[in-house]
Amino acid sequence: MVEPKEQYEPEVYELSDTKTNEKVCLATGFTRHNLMKDWTAFSGTEASQIVEDGKPTGVYNQVAVLEAGQECGNTTEKADEPCAASLEPDEMVNLASLTVFGLRVIFMKTVVFNVLMTLRLWISQ
């Protein structure tokens, strides 16, 4: 006997950028892939499955950019205060980025050197 898996309804949030007045509708945490197809805001978008540790979870998220005057629909929560997210520089990310850049430069120098030596050998014969 096959047990039906748990069904979760989406939690829908309307997010807005205070600087540009752009609005985005986010539906998250639902289990049916095509659940949001009847919502007008999500008509042109596809749901994407959440993956943890390389394995699909069976839970989906979907995002839609709202046009001017378009509403998200029934939202789960509408916060009056804006979400303040800040990115702080990370020393390890900077170090890794510089290391990758250095390795790319060394690789390119090696390729150029090999091409020049090949051309020199080819011309001398």
PDB file of N, CA and C in Angstrom:
ATOM      1  N   MET A   1       0.832  -1.176   0.000  1.00  0.00           N
ATOM      2  CA  MET A   1       0.000   0.000   0.000  1.00  0.00           C
ATOM      3  C   MET A   1       0.882   1.246   0.000  1.00  0.00           C
ATOM      4  N   VAL A   2       0.590   2.176  -0.892  1.00  0.00           N
ATOM      5  CA  VAL A   2       1.371   3.402  -1.004  1.00  0.00           C
ATOM      6  C   VAL A   2       0.703   4.490  -0.179  1.00  0.00           C
ATOM      7  N   GLU A   3       1.487   5.073   0.709  1.00  0.00           N
ATOM      8  CA  GLU A   3       0.983   6.154   1.558  1.00  0.00           C
ATOM      9  C   GLU A   3       1.148   7.486   0.807  1.00  0.00           C
ATOM     10  N   PRO A   4       0.113   8.318   0.796  1.00  0.00           N
ATOM     11  CA  PRO A   4       0.288   9.623   0.151  1.00  0.00           C
ATOM     12  C   PRO A   4       1.228  10.490   0.987  1.00  0.00           C
ATOM     13  N   LYS A   5       2.114  11.228   0.291  1.00  0.00           N
ATOM     14  CA  LYS A   5       3.023  12.079   1.049  1.00  0.00           C
ATOM     15  C   LYS A   5       2.296  13.330   1.524  1.00  0.00           C
ATOM     16  N   GLU A   6       2.879  13.970   2.495  1.00  0.00           N
ATOM     17  CA  GLU A   6       2.249  15.146   3.092  1.00  0.00           C
ATOM     18  C   GLU A   6       2.128  16.274   2.077  1.00  0.00           C
ATOM     19  N   GLN A   7       0.992  16.953   2.085  1.00  0.00           N
ATOM     20  CA  GLN A   7       0.749  18.090   1.197  1.00  0.00           C
ATOM     21  C   GLN A   7       0.890  19.375   2.009  1.00  0.00           C
ATOM     22  N   TYR A   8       1.682  20.293   1.494  1.00  0.00           N
ATOM     23  CA  TYR A   8       1.853  21.584   2.154  1.00  0.00           C
ATOM     24  C   TYR A   8       1.356  22.686   1.245  1.00  0.00           C
ATOM     25  N   GLU A   9       0.619  23.609   1.804  1.00  0.00           N
ATOM     26  CA  GLU A   9       0.139  24.779   1.067  1.00  0.00           C
ATOM     27  C   GLU A   9       1.243  25.836   1.059  1.00  0.00           C
ATOM     28  N   PRO A  10       1.270  26.698   0.049  1.00  0.00           N
ATOM     29  CA  PRO A  10       2.342  27.700  -0.030  1.00  0.00           C
ATOM     30  C   PRO A  10       2.164  28.821   0.983  1.00  0.00           C
ATOM     31  N   GLU A  11       3.285  29.342   1.408  1.00  0.00           N
ATOM     32  CA  GLU A  11       3.300  30.580   2.165  1.00  0.00           C
ATOM     33  C   GLU A  11       3.698  31.658   1.161  1.00  0.00           C
ATOM     34  N   VAL A  12       2.855  32.664   0.997  1.00  0.00           N
ATOM     35  CA  VAL A  12       3.056  33.675  -0.037  1.00  0.00           C
ATOM     36  C   VAL A  12       3.419  35.000   0.615  1.00  0.00           C
ATOM     37  N   TYR A  13       4.505  35.592   0.131  1.00  0.00           N
ATOM     38  CA  TYR A  13       4.990  36.867   0.656  1.00  0.00           C
ATOM     39  C   TYR A  13       5.122  37.863  -0.482  1.00  0.00           C
ATOM     40  N   GLU A  14       4.773  39.103  -0.213  1.00  0.00           N
ATOM     41  CA  GLU A  14       4.986  40.181  -1.167  1.00  0.00           C
ATOM     42  C   GLU A  14       6.153  41.013  -0.656  1.00  0.00           C
ATOM     43  N   LEU A  15       7.219  41.043  -1.425  1.00  0.00           N
ATOM     44  CA  LEU A  15       8.429  41.761  -1.046  1.00  0.00           C
ATOM     45  C   LEU A  15       8.585  42.964  -1.951  1.00  0.00           C
ATOM     46  N   SER A  16       9.055  44.080  -1.401  1.00  0.00           N
ATOM     47  CA  SER A  16       9.216  45.268  -2.226  1.00  0.00           C
ATOM     48  C   SER A  16      10.546  45.939  -1.921  1.00  0.00           C
ATOM     49  N   ASP A  17      11.088  46.585  -2.943  1.00  0.00           N
ATOM     50  CA  ASP A  17      12.314  47.347  -2.821  1.00  0.00           C
ATOM     51  C   ASP A  17      11.931  48.790  -2.567  1.00  0.00           C
ATOM     52  N   THR A  18      12.410  49.351  -1.475  1.00  0.00           N
ATOM     53  CA  THR A  18      12.024  50.719  -1.119  1.00  0.00           C
ATOM     54  C   THR A  18      12.648  51.758  -2.036  1.00  0.00           C
ATOM     55  N   LYS A  19      13.776  51.430  -2.681  1.00  0.00           N
ATOM     56  CA  LYS A  19      14.438  52.401  -3.548  1.00  0.00           C
ATOM     57  C   LYS A  19      13.806  52.471  -4.930  1.00  0.00           C
ATOM     58  N   THR A  20      13.471  51.323  -5.502  1.00  0.00           N
ATOM     59  CA  THR A  20      12.963  51.298  -6.879  1.00  0.00           C
ATOM     60  C   THR A  20      11.465  51.043  -6.974  1.00  0.00           C
ATOM     61  N   ASN A  21      10.802  50.785  -5.875  1.00  0.00           N
ATOM     62  CA  ASN A  21       9.372  50.485  -5.823  1.00  0.00           C
ATOM     63  C   ASN A  21       8.990  49.248  -6.630  1.00  0.00           C
ATOM     64  N   GLU A  22       9.946  48.356  -6.881  1.00  0.00           N
ATOM     65  CA  GLU A  22       9.638  47.088  -7.544  1.00  0.00           C
ATOM     66  C   GLU A  22       9.104  46.109  -6.507  1.00  0.00           C
ATOM     67  N   LYS A  23       8.148  45.285  -6.939  1.00  0.00           N
ATOM     68  CA  LYS A  23       7.560  44.299  -6.045  1.00  0.00           C
ATOM     69  C   LYS A  23       7.765  42.896  -6.591  1.00  0.00           C
ATOM     70  N   VAL A  24       7.972  41.968  -5.682  1.00  0.00           N
ATOM     71  CA  VAL A  24       8.179  40.565  -6.029  1.00  0.00           C
ATOM     72  C   VAL A  24       7.260  39.731  -5.158  1.00  0.00           C
ATOM     73  N   CYS A  25       6.690  38.703  -5.744  1.00  0.00           N
ATOM     74  CA  CYS A  25       5.823  37.793  -5.021  1.00  0.00           C
ATOM     75  C   CYS A  25       6.568  36.464  -4.852  1.00  0.00           C
ATOM     76  N   LEU A  26       6.698  35.982  -3.621  1.00  0.00           N
ATOM     77  CA  LEU A  26       7.418  34.753  -3.326  1.00  0.00           C
ATOM     78  C   LEU A  26       6.462  33.746  -2.710  1.00  0.00           C
ATOM     79  N   ALA A  27       6.349  32.592  -3.342  1.00  0.00           N
ATOM     80  CA  ALA A  27       5.574  31.483  -2.787  1.00  0.00           C
ATOM     81  C   ALA A  27       6.580  30.405  -2.397  1.00  0.00           C
ATOM     82  N   THR A  28       6.529  29.959  -1.172  1.00  0.00           N
ATOM     83  CA  THR A  28       7.536  29.017  -0.701  1.00  0.00           C
ATOM     84  C   THR A  28       6.917  27.913   0.140  1.00  0.00           C
ATOM     85  N   GLY A  29       7.569  26.758   0.133  1.00  0.00           N
ATOM     86  CA  GLY A  29       7.201  25.667   1.022  1.00  0.00           C
ATOM     87  C   GLY A  29       6.019  24.828   0.579  1.00  0.00           C
ATOM     88  N   PHE A  30       5.720  24.742  -0.727  1.00  0.00           N
ATOM     89  CA  PHE A  30       4.597  23.922  -1.163  1.00  0.00           C
ATOM     90  C   PHE A  30       5.109  22.655  -1.849  1.00  0.00           C
ATOM     91  N   THR A  31       4.288  21.616  -1.883  1.00  0.00           N
ATOM     92  CA  THR A  31       4.742  20.299  -2.340  1.00  0.00           C
ATOM     93  C   THR A  31       4.251  19.903  -3.726  1.00  0.00           C
ATOM     94  N   ARG A  32       3.267  20.577  -4.290  1.00  0.00           N
ATOM     95  CA  ARG A  32       2.807  20.251  -5.645  1.00  0.00           C
ATOM     96  C   ARG A  32       3.450  21.205  -6.638  1.00  0.00           C
ATOM     97  N   HIS A  33       4.102  20.656  -7.652  1.00  0.00           N
ATOM     98  CA  HIS A  33       4.876  21.456  -8.606  1.00  0.00           C
ATOM     99  C   HIS A  33       4.032  22.508  -9.325  1.00  0.00           C
ATOM    100  N   ASN A  34       2.852  22.164  -9.724  1.00  0.00           N
ATOM    101  CA  ASN A  34       2.015  23.083 -10.510  1.00  0.00           C
ATOM    102  C   ASN A  34       0.924  23.753  -9.675  1.00  0.00           C
ATOM    103  N   LEU A  35       1.127  23.878  -8.396  1.00  0.00           N
ATOM    104  CA  LEU A  35       0.113  24.435  -7.498  1.00  0.00           C
ATOM    105  C   LEU A  35      -0.177  25.910  -7.781  1.00  0.00           C
ATOM    106  N   MET A  36       0.821  26.668  -8.204  1.00  0.00           N
ATOM    107  CA  MET A  36       0.657  28.111  -8.370  1.00  0.00           C
ATOM    108  C   MET A  36       0.244  28.516  -9.788  1.00  0.00           C
ATOM    109  N   LYS A  37      -0.025  27.554 -10.668  1.00  0.00           N
ATOM    110  CA  LYS A  37      -0.316  27.892 -12.069  1.00  0.00           C
ATOM    111  C   LYS A  37      -1.602  28.696 -12.236  1.00  0.00           C
ATOM    112  N   ASP A  38      -2.544  28.587 -11.311  1.00  0.00           N
ATOM    113  CA  ASP A  38      -3.809  29.317 -11.421  1.00  0.00           C
ATOM    114  C   ASP A  38      -3.715  30.756 -10.914  1.00  0.00           C
ATOM    115  N   TRP A  39      -2.646  31.089 -10.242  1.00  0.00           N
ATOM    116  CA  TRP A  39      -2.463  32.452  -9.743  1.00  0.00           C
ATOM    117  C   TRP A  39      -1.958  33.307 -10.897  1.00  0.00           C
ATOM    118  N   THR A  40      -2.576  34.460 -11.133  1.00  0.00           N
ATOM    119  CA  THR A  40      -2.196  35.296 -12.266  1.00  0.00           C
ATOM    120  C   THR A  40      -0.775  35.832 -12.121  1.00  0.00           C
ATOM    121  N   ALA A  41      -0.337  36.116 -10.918  1.00  0.00           N
ATOM    122  CA  ALA A  41       1.009  36.657 -10.724  1.00  0.00           C
ATOM    123  C   ALA A  41       2.079  35.651 -11.118  1.00  0.00           C
ATOM    124  N   PHE A  42       1.798  34.360 -10.981  1.00  0.00           N
ATOM    125  CA  PHE A  42       2.795  33.322 -11.241  1.00  0.00           C
ATOM    126  C   PHE A  42       2.606  32.645 -12.597  1.00  0.00           C
ATOM    127  N   SER A  43       1.810  33.237 -13.484  1.00  0.00           N
ATOM    128  CA  SER A  43       1.478  32.564 -14.742  1.00  0.00           C
ATOM    129  C   SER A  43       2.689  32.356 -15.646  1.00  0.00           C
ATOM    130  N   GLY A  44       3.660  33.236 -15.633  1.00  0.00           N
ATOM    131  CA  GLY A  44       4.802  33.105 -16.534  1.00  0.00           C
ATOM    132  C   GLY A  44       6.050  32.538 -15.885  1.00  0.00           C
ATOM    133  N   THR A  45       5.922  31.949 -14.709  1.00  0.00           N
ATOM    134  CA  THR A  45       7.105  31.462 -13.997  1.00  0.00           C
ATOM    135  C   THR A  45       6.975  29.970 -13.708  1.00  0.00           C
ATOM    136  N   GLU A  46       8.097  29.354 -13.382  1.00  0.00           N
ATOM    137  CA  GLU A  46       8.141  27.928 -13.043  1.00  0.00           C
ATOM    138  C   GLU A  46       8.571  27.764 -11.603  1.00  0.00           C
ATOM    139  N   ALA A  47       8.056  26.747 -10.956  1.00  0.00           N
ATOM    140  CA  ALA A  47       8.467  26.428  -9.598  1.00  0.00           C
ATOM    141  C   ALA A  47       9.811  25.709  -9.628  1.00  0.00           C
ATOM    142  N   SER A  48      10.638  25.977  -8.642  1.00  0.00           N
ATOM    143  CA  SER A  48      11.926  25.285  -8.554  1.00  0.00           C
ATOM    144  C   SER A  48      11.976  24.518  -7.232  1.00  0.00           C
ATOM    145  N   GLN A  49      12.520  23.323  -7.320  1.00  0.00           N
ATOM    146  CA  GLN A  49      12.553  22.441  -6.153  1.00  0.00           C
ATOM    147  C   GLN A  49      13.733  22.792  -5.257  1.00  0.00           C
ATOM    148  N   ILE A  50      13.506  22.751  -3.962  1.00  0.00           N
ATOM    149  CA  ILE A  50      14.568  22.994  -2.994  1.00  0.00           C
ATOM    150  C   ILE A  50      15.408  21.736  -2.894  1.00  0.00           C
ATOM    151  N   VAL A  51      16.732  21.912  -2.967  1.00  0.00           N
ATOM    152  CA  VAL A  51      17.663  20.788  -2.906  1.00  0.00           C
ATOM    153  C   VAL A  51      18.562  20.976  -1.694  1.00  0.00           C
ATOM    154  N   GLU A  52      18.657  19.942  -0.863  1.00  0.00           N
ATOM    155  CA  GLU A  52      19.546  19.972   0.287  1.00  0.00           C
ATOM    156  C   GLU A  52      20.524  18.819   0.184  1.00  0.00           C
ATOM    157  N   ASP A  53      21.802  19.113   0.291  1.00  0.00           N
ATOM    158  CA  ASP A  53      22.863  18.114   0.217  1.00  0.00           C
ATOM    159  C   ASP A  53      22.783  17.310  -1.071  1.00  0.00           C
ATOM    160  N   GLY A  54      22.408  17.961  -2.169  1.00  0.00           N
ATOM    161  CA  GLY A  54      22.344  17.306  -3.466  1.00  0.00           C
ATOM    162  C   GLY A  54      21.130  16.431  -3.692  1.00  0.00           C
ATOM    163  N   LYS A  55      20.218  16.399  -2.742  1.00  0.00           N
ATOM    164  CA  LYS A  55      19.021  15.560  -2.873  1.00  0.00           C
ATOM    165  C   LYS A  55      17.774  16.440  -2.876  1.00  0.00           C
ATOM    166  N   PRO A  56      16.835  16.182  -3.783  1.00  0.00           N
ATOM    167  CA  PRO A  56      15.595  16.975  -3.795  1.00  0.00           C
ATOM    168  C   PRO A  56      14.759  16.706  -2.546  1.00  0.00           C
ATOM    169  N   THR A  57      14.126  17.758  -2.060  1.00  0.00           N
ATOM    170  CA  THR A  57      13.323  17.647  -0.839  1.00  0.00           C
ATOM    171  C   THR A  57      11.846  17.437  -1.118  1.00  0.00           C
ATOM    172  N   GLY A  58      11.403  17.701  -2.343  1.00  0.00           N
ATOM    173  CA  GLY A  58       9.986  17.597  -2.665  1.00  0.00           C
ATOM    174  C   GLY A  58       9.208  18.854  -2.312  1.00  0.00           C
ATOM    175  N   VAL A  59       9.920  19.896  -1.886  1.00  0.00           N
ATOM    176  CA  VAL A  59       9.303  21.172  -1.539  1.00  0.00           C
ATOM    177  C   VAL A  59       9.748  22.196  -2.579  1.00  0.00           C
ATOM    178  N   TYR A  60       8.818  23.055  -3.005  1.00  0.00           N
ATOM    179  CA  TYR A  60       9.074  23.988  -4.094  1.00  0.00           C
ATOM    180  C   TYR A  60       8.979  25.444  -3.648  1.00  0.00           C
ATOM    181  N   ASN A  61       9.685  26.311  -4.388  1.00  0.00           N
ATOM    182  CA  ASN A  61       9.598  27.761  -4.267  1.00  0.00           C
ATOM    183  C   ASN A  61       9.284  28.313  -5.645  1.00  0.00           C
ATOM    184  N   GLN A  62       8.627  29.464  -5.682  1.00  0.00           N
ATOM    185  CA  GLN A  62       8.350  30.119  -6.951  1.00  0.00           C
ATOM    186  C   GLN A  62       8.346  31.626  -6.733  1.00  0.00           C
ATOM    187  N   VAL A  63       8.954  32.358  -7.666  1.00  0.00           N
ATOM    188  CA  VAL A  63       9.068  33.812  -7.566  1.00  0.00           C
ATOM    189  C   VAL A  63       8.485  34.448  -8.816  1.00  0.00           C
ATOM    190  N   ALA A  64       7.766  35.542  -8.631  1.00  0.00           N
ATOM    191  CA  ALA A  64       7.216  36.290  -9.758  1.00  0.00           C
ATOM    192  C   ALA A  64       7.464  37.775  -9.526  1.00  0.00           C
ATOM    193  N   VAL A  65       7.978  38.451 -10.559  1.00  0.00           N
ATOM    194  CA  VAL A  65       8.159  39.898 -10.500  1.00  0.00           C
ATOM    195  C   VAL A  65       6.829  40.529 -10.894  1.00  0.00           C
ATOM    196  N   LEU A  66       6.323  41.400 -10.043  1.00  0.00           N
ATOM    197  CA  LEU A  66       5.020  42.005 -10.275  1.00  0.00           C
ATOM    198  C   LEU A  66       5.142  43.248 -11.148  1.00  0.00           C
ATOM    199  N   GLU A  67       4.219  43.388 -12.075  1.00  0.00           N
ATOM    200  CA  GLU A  67       4.156  44.581 -12.921  1.00  0.00           C
ATOM    201  C   GLU A  67       3.527  45.716 -12.114  1.00  0.00           C
ATOM    202  N   ALA A  68       3.566  46.918 -12.653  1.00  0.00           N
ATOM    203  CA  ALA A  68       2.982  48.073 -11.974  1.00  0.00           C
ATOM    204  C   ALA A  68       1.481  47.866 -11.796  1.00  0.00           C
ATOM    205  N   GLY A  69       0.999  48.001 -10.584  1.00  0.00           N
ATOM    206  CA  GLY A  69      -0.415  47.852 -10.284  1.00  0.00           C
ATOM    207  C   GLY A  69      -0.859  46.418 -10.052  1.00  0.00           C
ATOM    208  N   GLN A  70       0.001  45.451 -10.272  1.00  0.00           N
ATOM    209  CA  GLN A  70      -0.353  44.044 -10.079  1.00  0.00           C
ATOM    210  C   GLN A  70      -0.191  43.675  -8.608  1.00  0.00           C
ATOM    211  N   GLU A  71      -1.104  42.865  -8.110  1.00  0.00           N
ATOM    212  CA  GLU A  71      -1.063  42.437  -6.711  1.00  0.00           C
ATOM    213  C   GLU A  71      -0.641  40.985  -6.627  1.00  0.00           C
ATOM    214  N   CYS A  72      -0.110  40.630  -5.483  1.00  0.00           N
ATOM    215  CA  CYS A  72       0.385  39.273  -5.267  1.00  0.00           C
ATOM    216  C   CYS A  72      -0.765  38.295  -5.002  1.00  0.00           C
ATOM    217  N   GLY A  73      -1.799  38.737  -4.377  1.00  0.00           N
ATOM    218  CA  GLY A  73      -2.903  37.841  -4.025  1.00  0.00           C
ATOM    219  C   GLY A  73      -2.994  37.688  -2.519  1.00  0.00           C
ATOM    220  N   ASN A  74      -3.443  36.535  -2.070  1.00  0.00           N
ATOM    221  CA  ASN A  74      -3.557  36.275  -0.641  1.00  0.00           C
ATOM    222  C   ASN A  74      -2.179  35.990  -0.062  1.00  0.00           C
ATOM    223  N   THR A  75      -1.656  36.940   0.683  1.00  0.00           N
ATOM    224  CA  THR A  75      -0.330  36.752   1.262  1.00  0.00           C
ATOM    225  C   THR A  75      -0.448  36.167   2.655  1.00  0.00           C
ATOM    226  N   THR A  76       0.545  35.377   3.021  1.00  0.00           N
ATOM    227  CA  THR A  76       0.589  34.763   4.339  1.00  0.00           C
ATOM    228  C   THR A  76       0.875  35.798   5.401  1.00  0.00           C
ATOM    229  N   GLU A  77       1.803  36.677   5.094  1.00  0.00           N
ATOM    230  CA  GLU A  77       2.265  37.642   6.071  1.00  0.00           C
ATOM    231  C   GLU A  77       2.633  38.910   5.332  1.00  0.00           C
ATOM    232  N   LYS A  78       2.320  40.038   5.897  1.00  0.00           N
ATOM    233  CA  LYS A  78       2.752  41.284   5.281  1.00  0.00           C
ATOM    234  C   LYS A  78       3.381  42.133   6.369  1.00  0.00           C
ATOM    235  N   ALA A  79       4.697  42.197   6.334  1.00  0.00           N
ATOM    236  CA  ALA A  79       5.423  42.955   7.347  1.00  0.00           C
ATOM    237  C   ALA A  79       5.430  44.430   6.975  1.00  0.00           C
ATOM    238  N   ASP A  80       5.214  45.288   7.955  1.00  0.00           N
ATOM    239  CA  ASP A  80       5.229  46.717   7.708  1.00  0.00           C
ATOM    240  C   ASP A  80       6.643  47.268   7.636  1.00  0.00           C
ATOM    241  N   GLU A  81       7.559  46.594   8.287  1.00  0.00           N
ATOM    242  CA  GLU A  81       8.927  47.080   8.277  1.00  0.00           C
ATOM    243  C   GLU A  81       9.722  46.386   7.170  1.00  0.00           C
ATOM    244  N   PRO A  82      10.586  47.122   6.495  1.00  0.00           N
ATOM    245  CA  PRO A  82      11.358  46.510   5.408  1.00  0.00           C
ATOM    246  C   PRO A  82      12.399  45.533   5.947  1.00  0.00           C
ATOM    247  N   CYS A  83      12.719  44.576   5.127  1.00  0.00           N
ATOM    248  CA  CYS A  83      13.735  43.594   5.476  1.00  0.00           C
ATOM    249  C   CYS A  83      15.092  44.231   5.260  1.00  0.00           C
ATOM    250  N   ALA A  84      15.875  44.340   6.308  1.00  0.00           N
ATOM    251  CA  ALA A  84      17.192  44.956   6.202  1.00  0.00           C
ATOM    252  C   ALA A  84      18.248  43.861   6.172  1.00  0.00           C
ATOM    253  N   ALA A  85      18.767  43.620   5.006  1.00  0.00           N
ATOM    254  CA  ALA A  85      19.826  42.625   4.853  1.00  0.00           C
ATOM    255  C   ALA A  85      21.090  43.354   4.442  1.00  0.00           C
ATOM    256  N   SER A  86      22.163  43.020   5.094  1.00  0.00           N
ATOM    257  CA  SER A  86      23.421  43.675   4.750  1.00  0.00           C
ATOM    258  C   SER A  86      24.487  42.621   4.487  1.00  0.00           C
ATOM    259  N   LEU A  87      25.306  42.911   3.512  1.00  0.00           N
ATOM    260  CA  LEU A  87      26.418  42.035   3.194  1.00  0.00           C
ATOM    261  C   LEU A  87      27.685  42.655   3.755  1.00  0.00           C
ATOM    262  N   GLU A  88      28.396  41.864   4.517  1.00  0.00           N
ATOM    263  CA  GLU A  88      29.654  42.335   5.075  1.00  0.00           C
ATOM    264  C   GLU A  88      30.787  41.599   4.391  1.00  0.00           C
ATOM    265  N   PRO A  89      31.902  42.276   4.158  1.00  0.00           N
ATOM    266  CA  PRO A  89      33.013  41.604   3.495  1.00  0.00           C
ATOM    267  C   PRO A  89      33.568  40.472   4.355  1.00  0.00           C
ATOM    268  N   ASP A  90      33.947  39.419   3.691  1.00  0.00           N
ATOM    269  CA  ASP A  90      34.495  38.261   4.370  1.00  0.00           C
ATOM    270  C   ASP A  90      35.927  38.058   3.897  1.00  0.00           C
ATOM    271  N   GLU A  91      36.854  37.959   4.832  1.00  0.00           N
ATOM    272  CA  GLU A  91      38.263  37.838   4.480  1.00  0.00           C
ATOM    273  C   GLU A  91      38.557  36.548   3.729  1.00  0.00           C
ATOM    274  N   MET A  92      37.906  35.462   4.099  1.00  0.00           N
ATOM    275  CA  MET A  92      38.159  34.185   3.430  1.00  0.00           C
ATOM    276  C   MET A  92      37.657  34.202   1.984  1.00  0.00           C
ATOM    277  N   VAL A  93      36.546  34.869   1.734  1.00  0.00           N
ATOM    278  CA  VAL A  93      36.037  34.980   0.365  1.00  0.00           C
ATOM    279  C   VAL A  93      36.987  35.815  -0.467  1.00  0.00           C
ATOM    280  N   ASN A  94      37.493  36.913   0.097  1.00  0.00           N
ATOM    281  CA  ASN A  94      38.452  37.742  -0.618  1.00  0.00           C
ATOM    282  C   ASN A  94      39.725  36.965  -0.924  1.00  0.00           C
ATOM    283  N   LEU A  95      40.218  36.195   0.036  1.00  0.00           N
ATOM    284  CA  LEU A  95      41.423  35.401  -0.165  1.00  0.00           C
ATOM    285  C   LEU A  95      41.206  34.342  -1.242  1.00  0.00           C
ATOM    286  N   ALA A  96      40.076  33.666  -1.199  1.00  0.00           N
ATOM    287  CA  ALA A  96      39.776  32.643  -2.207  1.00  0.00           C
ATOM    288  C   ALA A  96      39.649  33.280  -3.583  1.00  0.00           C
ATOM    289  N   SER A  97      39.031  34.449  -3.658  1.00  0.00           N
ATOM    290  CA  SER A  97      38.872  35.133  -4.940  1.00  0.00           C
ATOM    291  C   SER A  97      40.237  35.538  -5.508  1.00  0.00           C
ATOM    292  N   LEU A  98      41.098  36.061  -4.673  1.00  0.00           N
ATOM    293  CA  LEU A  98      42.434  36.436  -5.132  1.00  0.00           C
ATOM    294  C   LEU A  98      43.248  35.216  -5.545  1.00  0.00           C
ATOM    295  N   THR A  99      43.098  34.119  -4.821  1.00  0.00           N
ATOM    296  CA  THR A  99      43.810  32.891  -5.163  1.00  0.00           C
ATOM    297  C   THR A  99      43.368  32.372  -6.522  1.00  0.00           C
ATOM    298  N   VAL A 100      42.068  32.346  -6.766  1.00  0.00           N
ATOM    299  CA  VAL A 100      41.546  31.888  -8.052  1.00  0.00           C
ATOM    300  C   VAL A 100      42.026  32.803  -9.177  1.00  0.00           C
ATOM    301  N   PHE A 101      42.017  34.103  -8.930  1.00  0.00           N
ATOM    302  CA  PHE A 101      42.497  35.046  -9.940  1.00  0.00           C
ATOM    303  C   PHE A 101      43.978  34.804 -10.248  1.00  0.00           C
ATOM    304  N   GLY A 102      44.785  34.607  -9.218  1.00  0.00           N
ATOM    305  CA  GLY A 102      46.209  34.321  -9.408  1.00  0.00           C
ATOM    306  C   GLY A 102      46.434  33.043 -10.196  1.00  0.00           C
ATOM    307  N   LEU A 103      45.666  32.006  -9.893  1.00  0.00           N
ATOM    308  CA  LEU A 103      45.804  30.750 -10.637  1.00  0.00           C
ATOM    309  C   LEU A 103      45.396  30.918 -12.094  1.00  0.00           C
ATOM    310  N   ARG A 104      44.406  31.721 -12.359  1.00  0.00           N
ATOM    311  CA  ARG A 104      44.000  31.982 -13.740  1.00  0.00           C
ATOM    312  C   ARG A 104      45.095  32.714 -14.516  1.00  0.00           C
ATOM    313  N   VAL A 105      45.734  33.684 -13.857  1.00  0.00           N
ATOM    314  CA  VAL A 105      46.824  34.420 -14.505  1.00  0.00           C
ATOM    315  C   VAL A 105      47.974  33.479 -14.821  1.00  0.00           C
ATOM    316  N   ILE A 106      48.352  32.628 -13.865  1.00  0.00           N
ATOM    317  CA  ILE A 106      49.430  31.663 -14.100  1.00  0.00           C
ATOM    318  C   ILE A 106      49.059  30.713 -15.230  1.00  0.00           C
ATOM    319  N   PHE A 107      47.823  30.252 -15.267  1.00  0.00           N
ATOM    320  CA  PHE A 107      47.382  29.356 -16.338  1.00  0.00           C
ATOM    321  C   PHE A 107      47.485  30.042 -17.699  1.00  0.00           C
ATOM    322  N   MET A 108      47.030  31.285 -17.787  1.00  0.00           N
ATOM    323  CA  MET A 108      47.081  32.001 -19.058  1.00  0.00           C
ATOM    324  C   MET A 108      48.527  32.239 -19.500  1.00  0.00           C
ATOM    325  N   LYS A 109      49.410  32.565 -18.551  1.00  0.00           N
ATOM    326  CA  LYS A 109      50.817  32.741 -18.898  1.00  0.00           C
ATOM    327  C   LYS A 109      51.399  31.433 -19.422  1.00  0.00           C
ATOM    328  N   THR A 110      51.016  30.313 -18.831  1.00  0.00           N
ATOM    329  CA  THR A 110      51.494  29.007 -19.284  1.00  0.00           C
ATOM    330  C   THR A 110      50.999  28.713 -20.694  1.00  0.00           C
ATOM    331  N   VAL A 111      49.750  28.989 -20.964  1.00  0.00           N
ATOM    332  CA  VAL A 111      49.192  28.749 -22.298  1.00  0.00           C
ATOM    333  C   VAL A 111      49.907  29.616 -23.330  1.00  0.00           C
ATOM    334  N   VAL A 112      50.099  30.892 -23.048  1.00  0.00           N
ATOM    335  CA  VAL A 112      50.775  31.795 -23.987  1.00  0.00           C
ATOM    336  C   VAL A 112      52.209  31.325 -24.217  1.00  0.00           C
ATOM    337  N   PHE A 113      52.916  30.953 -23.160  1.00  0.00           N
ATOM    338  CA  PHE A 113      54.290  30.463 -23.292  1.00  0.00           C
ATOM    339  C   PHE A 113      54.345  29.209 -24.159  1.00  0.00           C
ATOM    340  N   ASN A 114      53.432  28.274 -23.933  1.00  0.00           N
ATOM    341  CA  ASN A 114      53.412  27.044 -24.731  1.00  0.00           C
ATOM    342  C   ASN A 114      53.112  27.334 -26.200  1.00  0.00           C
ATOM    343  N   VAL A 115      52.205  28.235 -26.476  1.00  0.00           N
ATOM    344  CA  VAL A 115      51.887  28.592 -27.857  1.00  0.00           C
ATOM    345  C   VAL A 115      53.099  29.242 -28.525  1.00  0.00           C
ATOM    346  N   LEU A 116      53.776  30.151 -27.830  1.00  0.00           N
ATOM    347  CA  LEU A 116      54.949  30.802 -28.400  1.00  0.00           C
ATOM    348  C   LEU A 116      56.071  29.803 -28.671  1.00  0.00           C
ATOM    349  N   MET A 117      56.315  28.907 -27.739  1.00  0.00           N
ATOM    350  CA  MET A 117      57.366  27.909 -27.938  1.00  0.00           C
ATOM    351  C   MET A 117      57.014  26.954 -29.092  1.00  0.00           C
ATOM    352  N   THR A 118      55.739  26.607 -29.221  1.00  0.00           N
ATOM    353  CA  THR A 118      55.314  25.748 -30.327  1.00  0.00           C
ATOM    354  C   THR A 118      55.507  26.451 -31.663  1.00  0.00           C
ATOM    355  N   LEU A 119      55.122  27.720 -31.741  1.00  0.00           N
ATOM    356  CA  LEU A 119      55.304  28.489 -32.965  1.00  0.00           C
ATOM    357  C   LEU A 119      56.784  28.650 -33.303  1.00  0.00           C
ATOM    358  N   ARG A 120      57.619  28.897 -32.303  1.00  0.00           N
ATOM    359  CA  ARG A 120      59.065  29.027 -32.528  1.00  0.00           C
ATOM    360  C   ARG A 120      59.643  27.737 -33.080  1.00  0.00           C
ATOM    361  N   LEU A 121      59.230  26.605 -32.504  1.00  0.00           N
ATOM    362  CA  LEU A 121      59.713  25.302 -32.975  1.00  0.00           C
ATOM    363  C   LEU A 121      59.210  25.024 -34.389  1.00  0.00           C
ATOM    364  N   TRP A 122      57.982  25.374 -34.666  1.00  0.00           N
ATOM    365  CA  TRP A 122      57.379  25.131 -35.978  1.00  0.00           C
ATOM    366  C   TRP A 122      58.046  25.977 -37.064  1.00  0.00           C
ATOM    367  N   ILE A 123      58.387  27.242 -36.728  1.00  0.00           N
ATOM    368  CA  ILE A 123      59.034  28.129 -37.687  1.00  0.00           C
ATOM    369  C   ILE A 123      60.472  27.701 -37.967  1.00  0.00           C
ATOM    370  N   SER A 124      61.161  27.209 -36.969  1.00  0.00           N
ATOM    371  CA  SER A 124      62.572  26.821 -37.143  1.00  0.00           C
ATOM    372  C   SER A 124      62.754  25.550 -37.954  1.00  0.00           C
ATOM    373  N   GLN A 125      61.719  24.788 -38.188  1.00  0.00           N
ATOM    374  CA  GLN A 125      61.856  23.537 -38.949  1.00  0.00           C
ATOM    375  C   GLN A 125      61.649  23.709 -40.405  1.00  0.00           C
TER     376      GLN A 125
END
